[in-house]
Amino acid sequence: MRFAIVGSGGVGGYYGARLVRAGQDVTFLARGAHLRAMRERGLSIRSAEGDFTVPVRAEEDAARVGPVDVIVLAVKNYDVPSVLPLVKVLAAASDRPTLGGSTAAVLTLQNGVDSPGEVAAAVGEAPVIGGTTYISTAIAEPGVISQTGTLHRIILGEVFGDTSRVSARAQTLRDTLAAAGLNVEVVADARAPLWEKLAFLAPMSGFCTAARLPLGPLRDAGPVFREQFQEAAAEVLRVANAEGVATTTRAEDVVAFMDGLQDNMRPSMMVDLEAGKPLEVEYLQGTVSRRGRARGVPTPVMSTLYSLLLPHARGPRKG
């Protein structure tokens, strides 16, 4: 199977390298020092599961990639609009039967629930396969991806068309990824796991980043935080249901998961703020607030977090 990885940072680099090691045909889209290092020295993975380096094909120009079966979109949410022209070039070059479709499948791996729709607006709904991933990785230095812990999990499935049963192409993609040693689950309707992850991630990233604190001190402050966290998760799930997405996770389940995390847990949004990077606030807290308003679902907790974090969307602001 031929893969193109759009976004060869922590997530795309890790999964792409695992696919290369399993013998799949993978081309990485990258630029700058990371691109040069990958071409010269290959792509290295540092992980508690074992370090390894693989030689890779890396390109900056999507027109040089050629036909592929799967385009893995692994950039941050705020970078999706800027790479959609690359996705369109790759999709146009792959206008042939693949995975049971007429063009390459596009697997979205962003946080939140917006990217499938953004990609569909550019290339149509038919190619899009929705996905969400649980992993902690980052570029340690050009050409080197570092993984914190050993968790790597992908949930994928259809988000448009027939979502009543697992599609053949989603099953084929799941089997290929699993053969590379990845923990992958296929579902009939990927919208539910996307929203269920958002029900945890939007409150967690919102509260910790707004407070500039890891999870432990917030929990230690008393029951008010836990009550507001549960209400925030409930708001997300109520918006999902209003949009016709049948979730099975309850707000209580989200709180129980939060309670099991370590005290020093720092969400990536908080890490990005401290590093002076842009935040995914529009795609986490913002999308809940906007979609709730459009559906007539009140989201007071999530909207408050959104308003607090919005000034920092493009990087930290000094008062």
C-alpha atoms as a PDB file:
ATOM      1  CA  MET A   1       0.000   0.000   0.000  1.00  0.00           C
ATOM      2  CA  ARG A   2       1.311   3.477  -0.872  1.00  0.00           C
ATOM      3  CA  PHE A   3       1.055   6.209   1.749  1.00  0.00           C
ATOM      4  CA  ALA A   4       1.714   9.945   1.652  1.00  0.00           C
ATOM      5  CA  ILE A   5       2.241  11.564   5.050  1.00  0.00           C
ATOM      6  CA  VAL A   6       1.222  15.232   5.063  1.00  0.00           C
ATOM      7  CA  GLY A   7       2.691  16.584   8.271  1.00  0.00           C
ATOM      8  CA  SER A   8       5.816  14.625   9.178  1.00  0.00           C
ATOM      9  CA  GLY A   9       6.144  15.901  12.735  1.00  0.00           C
ATOM     10  CA  GLY A  10       5.542  13.929  15.898  1.00  0.00           C
ATOM     11  CA  VAL A  11       2.365  12.099  14.885  1.00  0.00           C
ATOM     12  CA  GLY A  12       2.910  11.694  11.140  1.00  0.00           C
ATOM     13  CA  GLY A  13       6.598  10.960  11.543  1.00  0.00           C
ATOM     14  CA  TYR A  14       6.003   8.260  14.147  1.00  0.00           C
ATOM     15  CA  TYR A  15       3.243   6.434  12.306  1.00  0.00           C
ATOM     16  CA  GLY A  16       4.985   6.813   8.942  1.00  0.00           C
ATOM     17  CA  ALA A  17       8.237   5.390  10.274  1.00  0.00           C
ATOM     18  CA  ARG A  18       6.413   2.393  11.725  1.00  0.00           C
ATOM     19  CA  LEU A  19       4.812   1.783   8.318  1.00  0.00           C
ATOM     20  CA  VAL A  20       8.183   2.016   6.561  1.00  0.00           C
ATOM     21  CA  ARG A  21       9.684  -0.479   8.996  1.00  0.00           C
ATOM     22  CA  ALA A  22       6.788  -2.845   8.186  1.00  0.00           C
ATOM     23  CA  GLY A  23       7.585  -2.671   4.477  1.00  0.00           C
ATOM     24  CA  GLN A  24       4.944  -0.213   3.282  1.00  0.00           C
ATOM     25  CA  ASP A  25       5.674   2.369   0.562  1.00  0.00           C
ATOM     26  CA  VAL A  26       5.654   5.743   2.346  1.00  0.00           C
ATOM     27  CA  THR A  27       6.497   9.255   1.153  1.00  0.00           C
ATOM     28  CA  PHE A  28       6.810  12.046   3.703  1.00  0.00           C
ATOM     29  CA  LEU A  29       5.912  15.648   2.896  1.00  0.00           C
ATOM     30  CA  ALA A  30       8.214  17.910   4.894  1.00  0.00           C
ATOM     31  CA  ARG A  31      10.311  21.032   4.639  1.00  0.00           C
ATOM     32  CA  GLY A  32      13.316  22.840   6.098  1.00  0.00           C
ATOM     33  CA  ALA A  33      15.841  21.211   8.405  1.00  0.00           C
ATOM     34  CA  HIS A  34      13.549  18.260   9.117  1.00  0.00           C
ATOM     35  CA  LEU A  35      13.315  17.472   5.404  1.00  0.00           C
ATOM     36  CA  ARG A  36      17.091  17.719   4.935  1.00  0.00           C
ATOM     37  CA  ALA A  37      17.795  15.491   7.938  1.00  0.00           C
ATOM     38  CA  MET A  38      15.319  12.856   6.768  1.00  0.00           C
ATOM     39  CA  ARG A  39      16.917  12.769   3.328  1.00  0.00           C
ATOM     40  CA  GLU A  40      20.460  12.606   4.674  1.00  0.00           C
ATOM     41  CA  ARG A  41      20.115  10.370   7.731  1.00  0.00           C
ATOM     42  CA  GLY A  42      16.672   8.805   7.569  1.00  0.00           C
ATOM     43  CA  LEU A  43      13.967   9.116  10.199  1.00  0.00           C
ATOM     44  CA  SER A  44      14.734   8.026  13.774  1.00  0.00           C
ATOM     45  CA  ILE A  45      12.242   7.060  16.462  1.00  0.00           C
ATOM     46  CA  ARG A  46      13.152   7.208  20.134  1.00  0.00           C
ATOM     47  CA  SER A  47      10.691   5.276  22.255  1.00  0.00           C
ATOM     48  CA  ALA A  48      10.449   3.170  25.387  1.00  0.00           C
ATOM     49  CA  GLU A  49       9.373   0.382  23.022  1.00  0.00           C
ATOM     50  CA  GLY A  50      12.757   0.586  21.299  1.00  0.00           C
ATOM     51  CA  ASP A  51      14.713   3.021  19.147  1.00  0.00           C
ATOM     52  CA  PHE A  52      15.079   2.573  15.404  1.00  0.00           C
ATOM     53  CA  THR A  53      16.005   4.443  12.232  1.00  0.00           C
ATOM     54  CA  VAL A  54      14.590   3.867   8.751  1.00  0.00           C
ATOM     55  CA  PRO A  55      15.655   5.316   5.401  1.00  0.00           C
ATOM     56  CA  VAL A  56      12.750   7.322   3.985  1.00  0.00           C
ATOM     57  CA  ARG A  57      11.615   9.119   0.882  1.00  0.00           C
ATOM     58  CA  ALA A  58      10.873  12.741   1.740  1.00  0.00           C
ATOM     59  CA  GLU A  59       9.613  15.443  -0.610  1.00  0.00           C
ATOM     60  CA  GLU A  60       8.657  19.097  -0.358  1.00  0.00           C
ATOM     61  CA  ASP A  61       6.746  19.165  -3.657  1.00  0.00           C
ATOM     62  CA  ALA A  62       3.553  17.085  -3.622  1.00  0.00           C
ATOM     63  CA  ALA A  63       3.671  16.856  -7.426  1.00  0.00           C
ATOM     64  CA  ARG A  64       6.759  14.624  -7.125  1.00  0.00           C
ATOM     65  CA  VAL A  65       4.992  11.994  -4.992  1.00  0.00           C
ATOM     66  CA  GLY A  66       2.848  10.291  -7.636  1.00  0.00           C
ATOM     67  CA  PRO A  67      -0.194   8.055  -7.069  1.00  0.00           C
ATOM     68  CA  VAL A  68      -0.881   6.844  -3.532  1.00  0.00           C
ATOM     69  CA  ASP A  69      -3.574   4.797  -1.817  1.00  0.00           C
ATOM     70  CA  VAL A  70      -3.816   6.733   1.433  1.00  0.00           C
ATOM     71  CA  ILE A  71      -3.034  10.337   2.347  1.00  0.00           C
ATOM     72  CA  VAL A  72      -2.464  10.655   6.094  1.00  0.00           C
ATOM     73  CA  LEU A  73      -3.177  14.209   7.248  1.00  0.00           C
ATOM     74  CA  ALA A  74      -1.227  14.703  10.472  1.00  0.00           C
ATOM     75  CA  VAL A  75      -0.760  18.460  10.822  1.00  0.00           C
ATOM     76  CA  LYS A  76      -2.156  20.645  13.596  1.00  0.00           C
ATOM     77  CA  ASN A  77      -5.695  21.911  13.073  1.00  0.00           C
ATOM     78  CA  TYR A  78      -4.620  25.465  12.351  1.00  0.00           C
ATOM     79  CA  ASP A  79      -2.295  24.191   9.584  1.00  0.00           C
ATOM     80  CA  VAL A  80      -4.994  22.240   7.728  1.00  0.00           C
ATOM     81  CA  PRO A  81      -6.027  25.126   5.421  1.00  0.00           C
ATOM     82  CA  SER A  82      -2.423  25.722   4.359  1.00  0.00           C
ATOM     83  CA  VAL A  83      -1.823  22.071   3.360  1.00  0.00           C
ATOM     84  CA  LEU A  84      -5.131  21.454   1.592  1.00  0.00           C
ATOM     85  CA  PRO A  85      -3.530  22.450  -1.761  1.00  0.00           C
ATOM     86  CA  LEU A  86      -1.016  19.623  -1.224  1.00  0.00           C
ATOM     87  CA  VAL A  87      -3.830  17.207  -0.444  1.00  0.00           C
ATOM     88  CA  LYS A  88      -5.634  18.241  -3.641  1.00  0.00           C
ATOM     89  CA  VAL A  89      -2.473  17.633  -5.716  1.00  0.00           C
ATOM     90  CA  LEU A  90      -1.989  14.202  -4.140  1.00  0.00           C
ATOM     91  CA  ALA A  91      -5.654  13.289  -4.623  1.00  0.00           C
ATOM     92  CA  ALA A  92      -5.602  14.381  -8.265  1.00  0.00           C
ATOM     93  CA  ALA A  93      -2.502  12.271  -8.939  1.00  0.00           C
ATOM     94  CA  SER A  94      -4.226   9.254  -7.387  1.00  0.00           C
ATOM     95  CA  ASP A  95      -7.305   9.203  -9.602  1.00  0.00           C
ATOM     96  CA  ARG A  96      -7.463   5.416  -9.847  1.00  0.00           C
ATOM     97  CA  PRO A  97      -9.279   2.619  -8.014  1.00  0.00           C
ATOM     98  CA  THR A  98      -7.824   2.330  -4.524  1.00  0.00           C
ATOM     99  CA  LEU A  99      -9.237   0.939  -1.273  1.00  0.00           C
ATOM    100  CA  GLY A 100     -12.522   0.445  -3.074  1.00  0.00           C
ATOM    101  CA  GLY A 101     -12.773   4.121  -4.053  1.00  0.00           C
ATOM    102  CA  SER A 102     -12.055   6.168  -7.152  1.00  0.00           C
ATOM    103  CA  THR A 103      -9.254   8.203  -5.566  1.00  0.00           C
ATOM    104  CA  ALA A 104      -6.871   8.081  -2.633  1.00  0.00           C
ATOM    105  CA  ALA A 105      -8.412   7.947   0.826  1.00  0.00           C
ATOM    106  CA  VAL A 106      -7.586  10.861   3.132  1.00  0.00           C
ATOM    107  CA  LEU A 107      -7.226   9.850   6.783  1.00  0.00           C
ATOM    108  CA  THR A 108      -7.634  12.845   9.110  1.00  0.00           C
ATOM    109  CA  LEU A 109      -5.853  12.609  12.473  1.00  0.00           C
ATOM    110  CA  GLN A 110      -6.512  16.039  13.988  1.00  0.00           C
ATOM    111  CA  ASN A 111      -7.910  16.800  17.415  1.00  0.00           C
ATOM    112  CA  GLY A 112     -11.511  17.936  17.458  1.00  0.00           C
ATOM    113  CA  VAL A 113     -14.225  17.371  14.870  1.00  0.00           C
ATOM    114  CA  ASP A 114     -13.628  20.013  12.200  1.00  0.00           C
ATOM    115  CA  SER A 115     -10.950  18.601   9.885  1.00  0.00           C
ATOM    116  CA  PRO A 116     -13.093  15.984   8.054  1.00  0.00           C
ATOM    117  CA  GLY A 117     -15.416  18.746   6.896  1.00  0.00           C
ATOM    118  CA  GLU A 118     -12.534  21.030   5.915  1.00  0.00           C
ATOM    119  CA  VAL A 119     -10.932  18.286   3.833  1.00  0.00           C
ATOM    120  CA  ALA A 120     -14.260  17.327   2.259  1.00  0.00           C
ATOM    121  CA  ALA A 121     -14.764  20.937   1.169  1.00  0.00           C
ATOM    122  CA  ALA A 122     -11.499  20.678  -0.781  1.00  0.00           C
ATOM    123  CA  VAL A 123     -11.598  17.162  -2.275  1.00  0.00           C
ATOM    124  CA  GLY A 124     -15.184  15.969  -1.732  1.00  0.00           C
ATOM    125  CA  GLU A 125     -16.670  13.753   0.947  1.00  0.00           C
ATOM    126  CA  ALA A 126     -15.982  10.392  -0.712  1.00  0.00           C
ATOM    127  CA  PRO A 127     -12.211  10.217  -0.035  1.00  0.00           C
ATOM    128  CA  VAL A 128     -12.405  11.222   3.638  1.00  0.00           C
ATOM    129  CA  ILE A 129     -11.902   8.717   6.451  1.00  0.00           C
ATOM    130  CA  GLY A 130     -12.152  10.203   9.921  1.00  0.00           C
ATOM    131  CA  GLY A 131      -9.646   9.281  12.585  1.00  0.00           C
ATOM    132  CA  THR A 132      -8.467  10.235  16.028  1.00  0.00           C
ATOM    133  CA  THR A 133      -5.240   9.273  17.718  1.00  0.00           C
ATOM    134  CA  TYR A 134      -3.917   8.984  21.257  1.00  0.00           C
ATOM    135  CA  ILE A 135      -0.130   9.432  21.346  1.00  0.00           C
ATOM    136  CA  SER A 136       2.484  11.754  22.837  1.00  0.00           C
ATOM    137  CA  THR A 137       5.266  12.509  20.355  1.00  0.00           C
ATOM    138  CA  ALA A 138       7.334  15.466  19.200  1.00  0.00           C
ATOM    139  CA  ILE A 139      10.267  16.339  16.969  1.00  0.00           C
ATOM    140  CA  ALA A 140      13.262  16.109  19.324  1.00  0.00           C
ATOM    141  CA  GLU A 141      15.603  17.424  16.614  1.00  0.00           C
ATOM    142  CA  PRO A 142      15.464  17.417  12.819  1.00  0.00           C
ATOM    143  CA  GLY A 143      14.984  13.844  11.640  1.00  0.00           C
ATOM    144  CA  VAL A 144      14.282  12.501  15.139  1.00  0.00           C
ATOM    145  CA  ILE A 145      10.860  11.794  16.696  1.00  0.00           C
ATOM    146  CA  SER A 146      10.635  11.223  20.446  1.00  0.00           C
ATOM    147  CA  GLN A 147       7.725   9.368  22.036  1.00  0.00           C
ATOM    148  CA  THR A 148       6.719   9.911  25.659  1.00  0.00           C
ATOM    149  CA  GLY A 149       5.353   6.676  27.136  1.00  0.00           C
ATOM    150  CA  THR A 150       4.244   3.762  24.990  1.00  0.00           C
ATOM    151  CA  LEU A 151       0.625   4.625  24.165  1.00  0.00           C
ATOM    152  CA  HIS A 152      -0.253   4.754  20.482  1.00  0.00           C
ATOM    153  CA  ARG A 153      -3.840   4.248  19.428  1.00  0.00           C
ATOM    154  CA  ILE A 154      -5.853   5.155  16.338  1.00  0.00           C
ATOM    155  CA  ILE A 155      -9.634   4.909  15.924  1.00  0.00           C
ATOM    156  CA  LEU A 156     -10.850   5.296  12.342  1.00  0.00           C
ATOM    157  CA  GLY A 157     -13.986   4.915  10.262  1.00  0.00           C
ATOM    158  CA  GLU A 158     -16.336   6.664   7.888  1.00  0.00           C
ATOM    159  CA  VAL A 159     -17.732  10.111   8.632  1.00  0.00           C
ATOM    160  CA  PHE A 160     -19.790  10.664   5.469  1.00  0.00           C
ATOM    161  CA  GLY A 161     -22.152   8.432   3.513  1.00  0.00           C
ATOM    162  CA  ASP A 162     -23.068   5.056   4.987  1.00  0.00           C
ATOM    163  CA  THR A 163     -21.983   4.995   8.630  1.00  0.00           C
ATOM    164  CA  SER A 164     -24.220   2.072   9.601  1.00  0.00           C
ATOM    165  CA  ARG A 165     -21.497  -0.550   9.207  1.00  0.00           C
ATOM    166  CA  VAL A 166     -17.716  -0.810   8.965  1.00  0.00           C
ATOM    167  CA  SER A 167     -16.684  -0.095   5.381  1.00  0.00           C
ATOM    168  CA  ALA A 168     -14.397  -2.424   3.470  1.00  0.00           C
ATOM    169  CA  ARG A 169     -11.818   0.295   2.873  1.00  0.00           C
ATOM    170  CA  ALA A 170     -11.707   1.283   6.556  1.00  0.00           C
ATOM    171  CA  GLN A 171     -11.211  -2.371   7.489  1.00  0.00           C
ATOM    172  CA  THR A 172      -8.425  -2.748   4.916  1.00  0.00           C
ATOM    173  CA  LEU A 173      -6.676   0.353   6.224  1.00  0.00           C
ATOM    174  CA  ARG A 174      -7.055  -0.838   9.791  1.00  0.00           C
ATOM    175  CA  ASP A 175      -5.527  -4.223   8.909  1.00  0.00           C
ATOM    176  CA  THR A 176      -2.569  -2.594   7.160  1.00  0.00           C
ATOM    177  CA  LEU A 177      -1.830  -0.304  10.088  1.00  0.00           C
ATOM    178  CA  ALA A 178      -2.244  -3.146  12.577  1.00  0.00           C
ATOM    179  CA  ALA A 179       0.211  -5.263  10.574  1.00  0.00           C
ATOM    180  CA  ALA A 180       2.775  -2.546  11.295  1.00  0.00           C
ATOM    181  CA  GLY A 181       2.313  -3.202  15.007  1.00  0.00           C
ATOM    182  CA  LEU A 182       0.039  -0.249  15.630  1.00  0.00           C
ATOM    183  CA  ASN A 183      -2.947  -0.325  17.970  1.00  0.00           C
ATOM    184  CA  VAL A 184      -5.856   0.461  15.626  1.00  0.00           C
ATOM    185  CA  GLU A 185      -9.612   0.142  16.032  1.00  0.00           C
ATOM    186  CA  VAL A 186     -12.082   0.441  13.163  1.00  0.00           C
ATOM    187  CA  VAL A 187     -15.631   1.674  13.742  1.00  0.00           C
ATOM    188  CA  ALA A 188     -18.665   2.150  11.524  1.00  0.00           C
ATOM    189  CA  ASP A 189     -19.134   5.820  12.435  1.00  0.00           C
ATOM    190  CA  ALA A 190     -15.975   7.720  13.365  1.00  0.00           C
ATOM    191  CA  ARG A 191     -17.889  10.824  14.401  1.00  0.00           C
ATOM    192  CA  ALA A 192     -18.666   9.352  17.837  1.00  0.00           C
ATOM    193  CA  PRO A 193     -15.035   8.710  18.910  1.00  0.00           C
ATOM    194  CA  LEU A 194     -14.025  12.137  17.585  1.00  0.00           C
ATOM    195  CA  TRP A 195     -16.652  13.824  19.772  1.00  0.00           C
ATOM    196  CA  GLU A 196     -15.922  11.565  22.752  1.00  0.00           C
ATOM    197  CA  LYS A 197     -12.236  12.507  22.652  1.00  0.00           C
ATOM    198  CA  LEU A 198     -13.245  16.159  22.369  1.00  0.00           C
ATOM    199  CA  ALA A 199     -15.409  15.764  25.502  1.00  0.00           C
ATOM    200  CA  PHE A 200     -12.200  15.076  27.437  1.00  0.00           C
ATOM    201  CA  LEU A 201      -9.641  17.134  25.542  1.00  0.00           C
ATOM    202  CA  ALA A 202     -11.541  20.425  25.309  1.00  0.00           C
ATOM    203  CA  PRO A 203     -12.206  20.693  29.081  1.00  0.00           C
ATOM    204  CA  MET A 204      -8.792  19.326  30.084  1.00  0.00           C
ATOM    205  CA  SER A 205      -6.787  21.598  27.796  1.00  0.00           C
ATOM    206  CA  GLY A 206      -9.066  24.520  28.597  1.00  0.00           C
ATOM    207  CA  PHE A 207      -8.891  24.373  32.377  1.00  0.00           C
ATOM    208  CA  CYS A 208      -5.161  23.609  32.645  1.00  0.00           C
ATOM    209  CA  THR A 209      -4.129  26.209  30.072  1.00  0.00           C
ATOM    210  CA  ALA A 210      -6.392  28.909  31.504  1.00  0.00           C
ATOM    211  CA  ALA A 211      -5.020  28.220  35.001  1.00  0.00           C
ATOM    212  CA  ARG A 212      -1.408  27.750  33.753  1.00  0.00           C
ATOM    213  CA  LEU A 213      -1.263  24.678  35.985  1.00  0.00           C
ATOM    214  CA  PRO A 214      -0.973  20.912  35.564  1.00  0.00           C
ATOM    215  CA  LEU A 215      -3.904  18.752  36.555  1.00  0.00           C
ATOM    216  CA  GLY A 216      -2.910  17.973  40.161  1.00  0.00           C
ATOM    217  CA  PRO A 217      -3.314  21.445  41.686  1.00  0.00           C
ATOM    218  CA  LEU A 218      -6.705  21.874  40.020  1.00  0.00           C
ATOM    219  CA  ARG A 219      -8.001  18.625  41.506  1.00  0.00           C
ATOM    220  CA  ASP A 220      -6.538  19.508  44.906  1.00  0.00           C
ATOM    221  CA  ALA A 221      -8.365  22.840  44.965  1.00  0.00           C
ATOM    222  CA  GLY A 222     -11.665  21.187  45.879  1.00  0.00           C
ATOM    223  CA  PRO A 223     -14.880  19.823  44.392  1.00  0.00           C
ATOM    224  CA  VAL A 224     -15.729  22.907  42.322  1.00  0.00           C
ATOM    225  CA  PHE A 225     -13.196  22.004  39.627  1.00  0.00           C
ATOM    226  CA  ARG A 226     -14.516  18.449  39.308  1.00  0.00           C
ATOM    227  CA  GLU A 227     -18.095  19.739  39.079  1.00  0.00           C
ATOM    228  CA  GLN A 228     -17.216  22.270  36.399  1.00  0.00           C
ATOM    229  CA  PHE A 229     -15.107  19.747  34.507  1.00  0.00           C
ATOM    230  CA  GLN A 230     -18.048  17.329  34.415  1.00  0.00           C
ATOM    231  CA  GLU A 231     -20.384  20.067  33.250  1.00  0.00           C
ATOM    232  CA  ALA A 232     -17.935  21.049  30.491  1.00  0.00           C
ATOM    233  CA  ALA A 233     -17.754  17.449  29.294  1.00  0.00           C
ATOM    234  CA  ALA A 234     -21.558  17.227  29.400  1.00  0.00           C
ATOM    235  CA  GLU A 235     -21.809  20.354  27.260  1.00  0.00           C
ATOM    236  CA  VAL A 236     -19.611  18.795  24.577  1.00  0.00           C
ATOM    237  CA  LEU A 237     -21.650  15.598  24.552  1.00  0.00           C
ATOM    238  CA  ARG A 238     -24.933  17.505  24.391  1.00  0.00           C
ATOM    239  CA  VAL A 239     -23.707  19.413  21.339  1.00  0.00           C
ATOM    240  CA  ALA A 240     -22.672  16.121  19.715  1.00  0.00           C
ATOM    241  CA  ASN A 241     -26.116  14.654  20.291  1.00  0.00           C
ATOM    242  CA  ALA A 242     -27.739  17.799  18.900  1.00  0.00           C
ATOM    243  CA  GLU A 243     -25.715  17.256  15.736  1.00  0.00           C
ATOM    244  CA  GLY A 244     -27.042  13.719  15.431  1.00  0.00           C
ATOM    245  CA  VAL A 245     -23.961  11.926  16.723  1.00  0.00           C
ATOM    246  CA  ALA A 246     -24.811   9.015  19.004  1.00  0.00           C
ATOM    247  CA  THR A 247     -22.147   8.964  21.719  1.00  0.00           C
ATOM    248  CA  THR A 248     -22.010   6.272  24.409  1.00  0.00           C
ATOM    249  CA  THR A 249     -19.554   8.006  26.746  1.00  0.00           C
ATOM    250  CA  ARG A 250     -21.124   9.842  29.700  1.00  0.00           C
ATOM    251  CA  ALA A 251     -19.753  12.955  31.376  1.00  0.00           C
ATOM    252  CA  GLU A 252     -19.191  10.849  34.491  1.00  0.00           C
ATOM    253  CA  ASP A 253     -16.964   8.528  32.450  1.00  0.00           C
ATOM    254  CA  VAL A 254     -14.871  11.482  31.329  1.00  0.00           C
ATOM    255  CA  VAL A 255     -14.420  12.634  34.934  1.00  0.00           C
ATOM    256  CA  ALA A 256     -13.434   9.104  35.999  1.00  0.00           C
ATOM    257  CA  PHE A 257     -10.797   9.023  33.253  1.00  0.00           C
ATOM    258  CA  MET A 258      -9.516  12.435  34.344  1.00  0.00           C
ATOM    259  CA  ASP A 259      -9.310  11.262  37.956  1.00  0.00           C
ATOM    260  CA  GLY A 260      -7.025   8.414  36.901  1.00  0.00           C
ATOM    261  CA  LEU A 261      -4.410  10.681  35.334  1.00  0.00           C
ATOM    262  CA  GLN A 262      -1.149  11.678  37.010  1.00  0.00           C
ATOM    263  CA  ASP A 263      -0.900  14.939  38.922  1.00  0.00           C
ATOM    264  CA  ASN A 264       1.808  16.270  36.584  1.00  0.00           C
ATOM    265  CA  MET A 265      -0.348  15.823  33.466  1.00  0.00           C
ATOM    266  CA  ARG A 266       0.078  18.900  31.232  1.00  0.00           C
ATOM    267  CA  PRO A 267      -2.059  19.004  28.072  1.00  0.00           C
ATOM    268  CA  SER A 268      -0.337  19.880  24.817  1.00  0.00           C
ATOM    269  CA  MET A 269      -2.203  23.202  24.617  1.00  0.00           C
ATOM    270  CA  MET A 270      -0.581  24.315  27.852  1.00  0.00           C
ATOM    271  CA  VAL A 271       2.822  23.156  26.585  1.00  0.00           C
ATOM    272  CA  ASP A 272       2.254  25.103  23.349  1.00  0.00           C
ATOM    273  CA  LEU A 273       1.328  28.254  25.271  1.00  0.00           C
ATOM    274  CA  GLU A 274       4.474  28.032  27.379  1.00  0.00           C
ATOM    275  CA  ALA A 275       6.547  27.481  24.223  1.00  0.00           C
ATOM    276  CA  GLY A 276       5.066  30.527  22.515  1.00  0.00           C
ATOM    277  CA  LYS A 277       3.260  28.487  19.867  1.00  0.00           C
ATOM    278  CA  PRO A 278      -0.256  28.970  18.444  1.00  0.00           C
ATOM    279  CA  LEU A 279      -3.109  27.183  20.216  1.00  0.00           C
ATOM    280  CA  GLU A 280      -5.847  24.956  18.812  1.00  0.00           C
ATOM    281  CA  VAL A 281      -8.438  26.916  20.798  1.00  0.00           C
ATOM    282  CA  GLU A 282     -10.678  27.547  17.776  1.00  0.00           C
ATOM    283  CA  TYR A 283     -10.881  23.802  17.106  1.00  0.00           C
ATOM    284  CA  LEU A 284     -11.417  22.637  20.685  1.00  0.00           C
ATOM    285  CA  GLN A 285     -13.201  25.117  22.942  1.00  0.00           C
ATOM    286  CA  GLY A 286     -14.235  27.351  20.031  1.00  0.00           C
ATOM    287  CA  THR A 287     -15.955  24.701  17.964  1.00  0.00           C
ATOM    288  CA  VAL A 288     -18.033  23.576  20.970  1.00  0.00           C
ATOM    289  CA  SER A 289     -19.114  27.147  21.655  1.00  0.00           C
ATOM    290  CA  ARG A 290     -19.992  27.918  18.018  1.00  0.00           C
ATOM    291  CA  ARG A 291     -21.744  24.646  17.285  1.00  0.00           C
ATOM    292  CA  GLY A 292     -23.659  24.828  20.543  1.00  0.00           C
ATOM    293  CA  ARG A 293     -24.887  28.314  19.702  1.00  0.00           C
ATOM    294  CA  ALA A 294     -25.934  27.174  16.220  1.00  0.00           C
ATOM    295  CA  ARG A 295     -27.920  24.246  17.684  1.00  0.00           C
ATOM    296  CA  GLY A 296     -29.423  26.141  20.580  1.00  0.00           C
ATOM    297  CA  VAL A 297     -27.409  24.176  23.156  1.00  0.00           C
ATOM    298  CA  PRO A 298     -26.051  26.293  26.024  1.00  0.00           C
ATOM    299  CA  THR A 299     -22.309  25.876  26.630  1.00  0.00           C
ATOM    300  CA  PRO A 300     -21.501  28.348  29.423  1.00  0.00           C
ATOM    301  CA  VAL A 301     -18.417  26.565  30.794  1.00  0.00           C
ATOM    302  CA  MET A 302     -16.851  25.813  27.414  1.00  0.00           C
ATOM    303  CA  SER A 303     -17.663  29.287  26.110  1.00  0.00           C
ATOM    304  CA  THR A 304     -16.018  30.866  29.150  1.00  0.00           C
ATOM    305  CA  LEU A 305     -12.862  28.821  28.598  1.00  0.00           C
ATOM    306  CA  TYR A 306     -12.969  29.790  24.923  1.00  0.00           C
ATOM    307  CA  SER A 307     -13.181  33.495  25.733  1.00  0.00           C
ATOM    308  CA  LEU A 308     -10.274  33.239  28.192  1.00  0.00           C
ATOM    309  CA  LEU A 309      -7.990  31.414  25.756  1.00  0.00           C
ATOM    310  CA  LEU A 310      -8.923  33.139  22.509  1.00  0.00           C
ATOM    311  CA  PRO A 311      -6.507  36.065  22.991  1.00  0.00           C
ATOM    312  CA  HIS A 312      -3.660  33.517  23.029  1.00  0.00           C
ATOM    313  CA  ALA A 313      -4.720  31.644  19.886  1.00  0.00           C
ATOM    314  CA  ARG A 314      -1.756  32.956  17.888  1.00  0.00           C
ATOM    315  CA  GLY A 315       0.693  32.727  20.773  1.00  0.00           C
ATOM    316  CA  PRO A 316       1.013  34.097  24.322  1.00  0.00           C
ATOM    317  CA  ARG A 317      -0.142  37.635  25.062  1.00  0.00           C
ATOM    318  CA  LYS A 318       1.416  39.754  27.776  1.00  0.00           C
ATOM    319  CA  GLY A 319      -0.825  41.834  29.984  1.00  0.00           C
END
